[in-house]
Amino acid sequence: MEQLTSLLALLAALSLATERITELIKGLPVVSRWLAIERARGSTAEEFRKASIHLLAIAVGTFLARLIQDQLSTAVSVSGGGFWICLFFGAMASGGSGLWNSALDIVREVNKQKQILTEQRKTTPAARTP
């Protein structure tokens, strides 16, 4: 559980930083004309704009994951992986609220299973040794 907690904490920090930096880049004067202004709904230009924002967020997340690669490797007990582990965590961090909804569901289920196990142990008498 401690490993899961540290992984979620790193992902939370990575996700927040990715979101803030992506929003900062979207607000830059030259880039904002393309990224910040919505086009006609369903148009090709709007789809390209959305895809560009997603790719930008993944790139930012991957760069930030590279900066904390040692901590990520420790948190998930993985040695090596290099660019691919950074890309994986960068893409996860760029996912925004979808990632957090899934992560919270996992944590809730783990806690629920622990509570069930604890209740079972309380109601089952311990075997006595002679």
N, C-alpha and C. Protein backbone atom coordinates (compact mmCIF):
# COMPACT_ATOMS: atom_id res chain seq x y z
N MET A 1 0.83 -1.19 0.00
CA MET A 1 0.00 0.00 0.00
C MET A 1 0.87 1.26 0.00
N GLU A 2 2.01 1.18 0.68
CA GLU A 2 2.90 2.33 0.74
C GLU A 2 3.45 2.66 -0.66
N GLN A 3 3.72 1.62 -1.43
CA GLN A 3 4.22 1.82 -2.79
C GLN A 3 3.15 2.48 -3.66
N LEU A 4 1.91 2.06 -3.49
CA LEU A 4 0.80 2.64 -4.23
C LEU A 4 0.60 4.11 -3.85
N THR A 5 0.71 4.40 -2.57
CA THR A 5 0.55 5.77 -2.10
C THR A 5 1.63 6.68 -2.67
N SER A 6 2.87 6.23 -2.66
CA SER A 6 3.95 7.06 -3.20
C SER A 6 3.81 7.23 -4.70
N LEU A 7 3.36 6.19 -5.40
CA LEU A 7 3.14 6.30 -6.84
C LEU A 7 2.04 7.32 -7.15
N LEU A 8 0.94 7.25 -6.40
CA LEU A 8 -0.16 8.20 -6.61
C LEU A 8 0.26 9.63 -6.29
N ALA A 9 1.08 9.80 -5.27
CA ALA A 9 1.57 11.14 -4.94
C ALA A 9 2.44 11.69 -6.06
N LEU A 10 3.32 10.86 -6.61
CA LEU A 10 4.14 11.31 -7.73
C LEU A 10 3.29 11.63 -8.95
N LEU A 11 2.30 10.79 -9.23
CA LEU A 11 1.42 11.04 -10.37
C LEU A 11 0.60 12.31 -10.18
N ALA A 12 0.18 12.56 -8.95
CA ALA A 12 -0.58 13.78 -8.67
C ALA A 12 0.26 15.01 -8.96
N ALA A 13 1.48 15.01 -8.45
CA ALA A 13 2.37 16.15 -8.68
C ALA A 13 2.69 16.30 -10.16
N LEU A 14 2.95 15.17 -10.82
CA LEU A 14 3.27 15.19 -12.24
C LEU A 14 2.08 15.68 -13.06
N SER A 15 0.90 15.25 -12.70
CA SER A 15 -0.31 15.65 -13.42
C SER A 15 -0.59 17.14 -13.26
N LEU A 16 -0.47 17.64 -12.03
CA LEU A 16 -0.70 19.07 -11.80
C LEU A 16 0.32 19.93 -12.54
N ALA A 17 1.58 19.53 -12.47
CA ALA A 17 2.61 20.30 -13.15
C ALA A 17 2.41 20.26 -14.67
N THR A 18 2.05 19.10 -15.19
CA THR A 18 1.80 18.97 -16.63
C THR A 18 0.66 19.89 -17.06
N GLU A 19 -0.41 19.88 -16.29
CA GLU A 19 -1.56 20.73 -16.63
C GLU A 19 -1.20 22.20 -16.59
N ARG A 20 -0.51 22.63 -15.54
CA ARG A 20 -0.16 24.05 -15.41
C ARG A 20 0.78 24.50 -16.53
N ILE A 21 1.79 23.70 -16.83
CA ILE A 21 2.75 24.09 -17.86
C ILE A 21 2.08 24.10 -19.23
N THR A 22 1.21 23.13 -19.49
CA THR A 22 0.49 23.10 -20.76
C THR A 22 -0.38 24.34 -20.90
N GLU A 23 -1.08 24.72 -19.83
CA GLU A 23 -1.91 25.93 -19.87
C GLU A 23 -1.06 27.18 -20.08
N LEU A 24 0.11 27.21 -19.47
CA LEU A 24 1.02 28.34 -19.65
C LEU A 24 1.45 28.45 -21.11
N ILE A 25 1.81 27.33 -21.70
CA ILE A 25 2.23 27.33 -23.11
C ILE A 25 1.06 27.74 -24.01
N LYS A 26 -0.14 27.26 -23.71
CA LYS A 26 -1.31 27.64 -24.50
C LYS A 26 -1.57 29.14 -24.45
N GLY A 27 -1.16 29.79 -23.37
CA GLY A 27 -1.40 31.22 -23.21
C GLY A 27 -0.34 32.12 -23.81
N LEU A 28 0.75 31.55 -24.32
CA LEU A 28 1.78 32.37 -24.94
C LEU A 28 1.23 33.07 -26.17
N PRO A 29 1.61 34.33 -26.39
CA PRO A 29 1.01 35.11 -27.47
C PRO A 29 1.03 34.45 -28.86
N VAL A 30 2.13 33.88 -29.25
CA VAL A 30 2.23 33.31 -30.59
C VAL A 30 1.41 32.03 -30.71
N VAL A 31 1.44 31.21 -29.68
CA VAL A 31 0.79 29.90 -29.72
C VAL A 31 -0.69 29.99 -29.39
N SER A 32 -1.09 31.01 -28.66
CA SER A 32 -2.48 31.07 -28.21
C SER A 32 -3.47 31.21 -29.36
N ARG A 33 -3.04 31.84 -30.47
CA ARG A 33 -3.94 31.95 -31.61
C ARG A 33 -4.32 30.58 -32.15
N TRP A 34 -3.43 29.61 -32.03
CA TRP A 34 -3.71 28.27 -32.53
C TRP A 34 -4.32 27.38 -31.45
N LEU A 35 -3.77 27.41 -30.24
CA LEU A 35 -4.19 26.44 -29.22
C LEU A 35 -5.34 26.89 -28.33
N ALA A 36 -5.46 28.19 -28.07
CA ALA A 36 -6.44 28.64 -27.09
C ALA A 36 -7.79 29.01 -27.69
N ILE A 37 -7.82 29.31 -28.96
CA ILE A 37 -9.07 29.75 -29.58
C ILE A 37 -9.76 28.57 -30.25
N GLU A 38 -10.96 28.26 -29.76
CA GLU A 38 -11.70 27.14 -30.32
C GLU A 38 -12.20 27.47 -31.72
N ARG A 39 -12.21 26.46 -32.56
CA ARG A 39 -12.72 26.58 -33.93
C ARG A 39 -14.15 26.04 -33.97
N ALA A 40 -14.74 26.03 -35.13
CA ALA A 40 -16.09 25.52 -35.29
C ALA A 40 -16.14 24.05 -34.85
N ARG A 41 -17.14 23.73 -34.06
CA ARG A 41 -17.28 22.38 -33.52
C ARG A 41 -17.36 21.35 -34.65
N GLY A 42 -16.52 20.30 -34.52
CA GLY A 42 -16.52 19.23 -35.51
C GLY A 42 -15.68 19.51 -36.74
N SER A 43 -15.11 20.70 -36.84
CA SER A 43 -14.30 21.02 -38.01
C SER A 43 -12.93 20.36 -37.91
N THR A 44 -12.28 20.22 -39.04
CA THR A 44 -10.95 19.62 -39.07
C THR A 44 -9.97 20.47 -38.27
N ALA A 45 -10.08 21.78 -38.37
CA ALA A 45 -9.19 22.68 -37.64
C ALA A 45 -9.34 22.48 -36.13
N GLU A 46 -10.56 22.28 -35.65
CA GLU A 46 -10.80 22.06 -34.22
C GLU A 46 -10.23 20.72 -33.78
N GLU A 47 -10.37 19.71 -34.61
CA GLU A 47 -9.82 18.40 -34.27
C GLU A 47 -8.29 18.45 -34.21
N PHE A 48 -7.67 19.16 -35.14
CA PHE A 48 -6.21 19.33 -35.11
C PHE A 48 -5.79 20.13 -33.88
N ARG A 49 -6.56 21.14 -33.52
CA ARG A 49 -6.24 21.94 -32.33
C ARG A 49 -6.28 21.07 -31.08
N LYS A 50 -7.32 20.25 -30.95
CA LYS A 50 -7.42 19.36 -29.77
C LYS A 50 -6.30 18.34 -29.75
N ALA A 51 -5.99 17.77 -30.91
CA ALA A 51 -4.90 16.80 -30.98
C ALA A 51 -3.56 17.45 -30.63
N SER A 52 -3.37 18.69 -31.07
CA SER A 52 -2.14 19.42 -30.75
C SER A 52 -2.01 19.64 -29.25
N ILE A 53 -3.10 19.96 -28.60
CA ILE A 53 -3.08 20.16 -27.14
C ILE A 53 -2.74 18.86 -26.43
N HIS A 54 -3.32 17.76 -26.89
CA HIS A 54 -3.03 16.46 -26.27
C HIS A 54 -1.56 16.09 -26.46
N LEU A 55 -1.05 16.28 -27.66
CA LEU A 55 0.37 15.98 -27.91
C LEU A 55 1.29 16.87 -27.09
N LEU A 56 0.92 18.14 -26.97
CA LEU A 56 1.70 19.06 -26.14
C LEU A 56 1.72 18.60 -24.69
N ALA A 57 0.56 18.20 -24.17
CA ALA A 57 0.47 17.74 -22.78
C ALA A 57 1.29 16.46 -22.58
N ILE A 58 1.27 15.56 -23.54
CA ILE A 58 2.07 14.34 -23.42
C ILE A 58 3.55 14.68 -23.45
N ALA A 59 3.96 15.60 -24.33
CA ALA A 59 5.36 16.01 -24.41
C ALA A 59 5.81 16.66 -23.09
N VAL A 60 4.99 17.53 -22.55
CA VAL A 60 5.32 18.18 -21.27
C VAL A 60 5.39 17.14 -20.16
N GLY A 61 4.40 16.24 -20.11
CA GLY A 61 4.40 15.19 -19.09
C GLY A 61 5.60 14.28 -19.20
N THR A 62 5.99 13.94 -20.43
CA THR A 62 7.16 13.08 -20.64
C THR A 62 8.43 13.79 -20.19
N PHE A 63 8.56 15.06 -20.51
CA PHE A 63 9.72 15.84 -20.08
C PHE A 63 9.79 15.89 -18.55
N LEU A 64 8.66 16.16 -17.91
CA LEU A 64 8.65 16.23 -16.44
C LEU A 64 8.93 14.85 -15.82
N ALA A 65 8.39 13.80 -16.43
CA ALA A 65 8.67 12.45 -15.93
C ALA A 65 10.15 12.13 -16.05
N ARG A 66 10.78 12.62 -17.10
CA ARG A 66 12.23 12.41 -17.26
C ARG A 66 12.99 13.09 -16.12
N LEU A 67 12.50 14.24 -15.69
CA LEU A 67 13.17 14.95 -14.60
C LEU A 67 13.07 14.19 -13.27
N ILE A 68 12.00 13.41 -13.09
CA ILE A 68 11.84 12.66 -11.83
C ILE A 68 11.92 11.16 -12.07
N GLN A 69 12.65 10.76 -13.10
CA GLN A 69 12.74 9.35 -13.48
C GLN A 69 13.25 8.47 -12.35
N ASP A 70 14.22 8.92 -11.58
CA ASP A 70 14.73 8.11 -10.48
C ASP A 70 13.66 7.84 -9.43
N GLN A 71 12.89 8.87 -9.08
CA GLN A 71 11.82 8.69 -8.10
C GLN A 71 10.73 7.77 -8.63
N LEU A 72 10.39 7.89 -9.91
CA LEU A 72 9.38 7.01 -10.51
C LEU A 72 9.86 5.57 -10.52
N SER A 73 11.12 5.36 -10.89
CA SER A 73 11.66 4.00 -10.91
C SER A 73 11.64 3.38 -9.53
N THR A 74 11.94 4.17 -8.51
CA THR A 74 11.89 3.68 -7.14
C THR A 74 10.45 3.38 -6.72
N ALA A 75 9.53 4.25 -7.08
CA ALA A 75 8.14 4.07 -6.67
C ALA A 75 7.50 2.83 -7.27
N VAL A 76 7.87 2.48 -8.50
CA VAL A 76 7.27 1.32 -9.15
C VAL A 76 8.21 0.13 -9.18
N SER A 77 9.35 0.25 -8.53
CA SER A 77 10.34 -0.83 -8.46
C SER A 77 10.75 -1.33 -9.84
N VAL A 78 11.04 -0.40 -10.73
CA VAL A 78 11.48 -0.74 -12.08
C VAL A 78 12.84 -0.10 -12.30
N SER A 79 13.78 -0.90 -12.76
CA SER A 79 15.07 -0.32 -13.11
C SER A 79 15.15 -0.26 -14.63
N GLY A 80 15.67 0.82 -15.13
CA GLY A 80 15.76 0.97 -16.58
C GLY A 80 14.46 1.47 -17.17
N GLY A 81 14.26 1.18 -18.41
CA GLY A 81 13.04 1.62 -19.08
C GLY A 81 13.28 2.89 -19.88
N GLY A 82 14.11 3.77 -19.35
CA GLY A 82 14.48 5.00 -20.05
C GLY A 82 13.33 5.82 -20.57
N PHE A 83 13.40 6.13 -21.85
CA PHE A 83 12.43 7.00 -22.48
C PHE A 83 11.02 6.43 -22.40
N TRP A 84 10.87 5.13 -22.55
CA TRP A 84 9.53 4.53 -22.61
C TRP A 84 8.78 4.65 -21.30
N ILE A 85 9.47 4.52 -20.18
CA ILE A 85 8.80 4.67 -18.88
C ILE A 85 8.39 6.12 -18.68
N CYS A 86 9.24 7.05 -19.17
CA CYS A 86 8.90 8.48 -19.07
C CYS A 86 7.71 8.80 -19.96
N LEU A 87 7.67 8.22 -21.16
CA LEU A 87 6.55 8.44 -22.07
C LEU A 87 5.26 7.88 -21.47
N PHE A 88 5.36 6.70 -20.87
CA PHE A 88 4.19 6.08 -20.23
C PHE A 88 3.62 6.97 -19.13
N PHE A 89 4.48 7.42 -18.22
CA PHE A 89 4.02 8.26 -17.12
C PHE A 89 3.63 9.66 -17.61
N GLY A 90 4.31 10.16 -18.64
CA GLY A 90 3.93 11.44 -19.22
C GLY A 90 2.54 11.40 -19.83
N ALA A 91 2.24 10.30 -20.51
CA ALA A 91 0.91 10.14 -21.10
C ALA A 91 -0.15 9.99 -20.01
N MET A 92 0.19 9.25 -18.95
CA MET A 92 -0.77 9.12 -17.85
C MET A 92 -1.01 10.46 -17.18
N ALA A 93 0.04 11.22 -16.96
CA ALA A 93 -0.10 12.52 -16.30
C ALA A 93 -0.89 13.50 -17.16
N SER A 94 -0.81 13.36 -18.46
CA SER A 94 -1.54 14.27 -19.34
C SER A 94 -3.02 13.92 -19.42
N GLY A 95 -3.40 12.79 -18.85
CA GLY A 95 -4.79 12.33 -18.92
C GLY A 95 -5.77 13.13 -18.11
N GLY A 96 -5.29 13.90 -17.16
CA GLY A 96 -6.18 14.75 -16.37
C GLY A 96 -7.11 13.97 -15.45
N SER A 97 -8.37 14.38 -15.41
CA SER A 97 -9.31 13.82 -14.44
C SER A 97 -9.64 12.36 -14.71
N GLY A 98 -9.53 11.91 -15.94
CA GLY A 98 -9.78 10.50 -16.24
C GLY A 98 -8.83 9.60 -15.47
N LEU A 99 -7.58 10.02 -15.38
CA LEU A 99 -6.59 9.26 -14.61
C LEU A 99 -6.98 9.21 -13.15
N TRP A 100 -7.40 10.34 -12.61
CA TRP A 100 -7.70 10.40 -11.18
C TRP A 100 -8.96 9.64 -10.81
N ASN A 101 -9.94 9.64 -11.70
CA ASN A 101 -11.13 8.84 -11.44
C ASN A 101 -10.78 7.36 -11.36
N SER A 102 -9.95 6.89 -12.28
CA SER A 102 -9.53 5.49 -12.27
C SER A 102 -8.66 5.18 -11.05
N ALA A 103 -7.74 6.07 -10.73
CA ALA A 103 -6.87 5.84 -9.57
C ALA A 103 -7.66 5.80 -8.28
N LEU A 104 -8.63 6.70 -8.14
CA LEU A 104 -9.46 6.69 -6.94
C LEU A 104 -10.31 5.43 -6.84
N ASP A 105 -10.80 4.94 -7.97
CA ASP A 105 -11.55 3.68 -7.97
C ASP A 105 -10.68 2.53 -7.49
N ILE A 106 -9.43 2.49 -7.94
CA ILE A 106 -8.51 1.43 -7.53
C ILE A 106 -8.23 1.52 -6.04
N VAL A 107 -7.95 2.71 -5.54
CA VAL A 107 -7.66 2.89 -4.12
C VAL A 107 -8.87 2.52 -3.27
N ARG A 108 -10.06 2.92 -3.69
CA ARG A 108 -11.28 2.56 -2.95
C ARG A 108 -11.45 1.05 -2.89
N GLU A 109 -11.23 0.37 -4.00
CA GLU A 109 -11.39 -1.09 -4.03
C GLU A 109 -10.35 -1.77 -3.15
N VAL A 110 -9.12 -1.29 -3.15
CA VAL A 110 -8.08 -1.86 -2.28
C VAL A 110 -8.48 -1.68 -0.82
N ASN A 111 -8.95 -0.49 -0.47
CA ASN A 111 -9.38 -0.25 0.91
C ASN A 111 -10.58 -1.12 1.29
N LYS A 112 -11.51 -1.29 0.36
CA LYS A 112 -12.68 -2.13 0.61
C LYS A 112 -12.25 -3.57 0.86
N GLN A 113 -11.33 -4.08 0.05
CA GLN A 113 -10.84 -5.45 0.24
C GLN A 113 -10.11 -5.62 1.56
N LYS A 114 -9.37 -4.62 1.96
CA LYS A 114 -8.68 -4.66 3.26
C LYS A 114 -9.69 -4.68 4.40
N GLN A 115 -10.76 -3.88 4.29
CA GLN A 115 -11.79 -3.87 5.33
C GLN A 115 -12.49 -5.21 5.42
N ILE A 116 -12.80 -5.81 4.29
CA ILE A 116 -13.44 -7.13 4.29
C ILE A 116 -12.54 -8.16 4.94
N LEU A 117 -11.26 -8.14 4.60
CA LEU A 117 -10.31 -9.08 5.20
C LEU A 117 -10.19 -8.86 6.70
N THR A 118 -10.16 -7.61 7.13
CA THR A 118 -10.08 -7.31 8.56
C THR A 118 -11.32 -7.80 9.29
N GLU A 119 -12.49 -7.59 8.71
CA GLU A 119 -13.74 -8.07 9.33
C GLU A 119 -13.78 -9.59 9.41
N GLN A 120 -13.28 -10.25 8.38
CA GLN A 120 -13.24 -11.71 8.40
C GLN A 120 -12.32 -12.22 9.50
N ARG A 121 -11.21 -11.57 9.69
CA ARG A 121 -10.26 -11.99 10.73
C ARG A 121 -10.84 -11.75 12.13
N LYS A 122 -11.64 -10.69 12.27
CA LYS A 122 -12.25 -10.40 13.57
C LYS A 122 -13.30 -11.44 13.93
N THR A 123 -14.06 -11.88 12.94
CA THR A 123 -15.16 -12.82 13.23
C THR A 123 -14.70 -14.28 13.29
N THR A 124 -13.57 -14.60 12.68
CA THR A 124 -13.05 -15.97 12.70
C THR A 124 -12.14 -16.11 13.92
N PRO A 125 -12.50 -17.06 14.82
CA PRO A 125 -11.63 -17.23 15.99
C PRO A 125 -10.26 -17.79 15.56
N ALA A 126 -9.26 -17.33 16.25
CA ALA A 126 -7.90 -17.78 15.94
C ALA A 126 -7.75 -19.24 16.34
N ALA A 127 -7.03 -19.99 15.53
CA ALA A 127 -6.79 -21.41 15.85
C ALA A 127 -5.85 -21.48 17.05
N ARG A 128 -6.25 -22.31 17.99
CA ARG A 128 -5.42 -22.44 19.21
C ARG A 128 -4.38 -23.53 19.00
N THR A 129 -3.21 -23.25 19.47
CA THR A 129 -2.15 -24.26 19.40
C THR A 129 -2.09 -24.99 20.72
N PRO A 130 -1.98 -26.33 20.70
CA PRO A 130 -1.95 -27.10 21.95
C PRO A 130 -0.71 -26.93 22.75
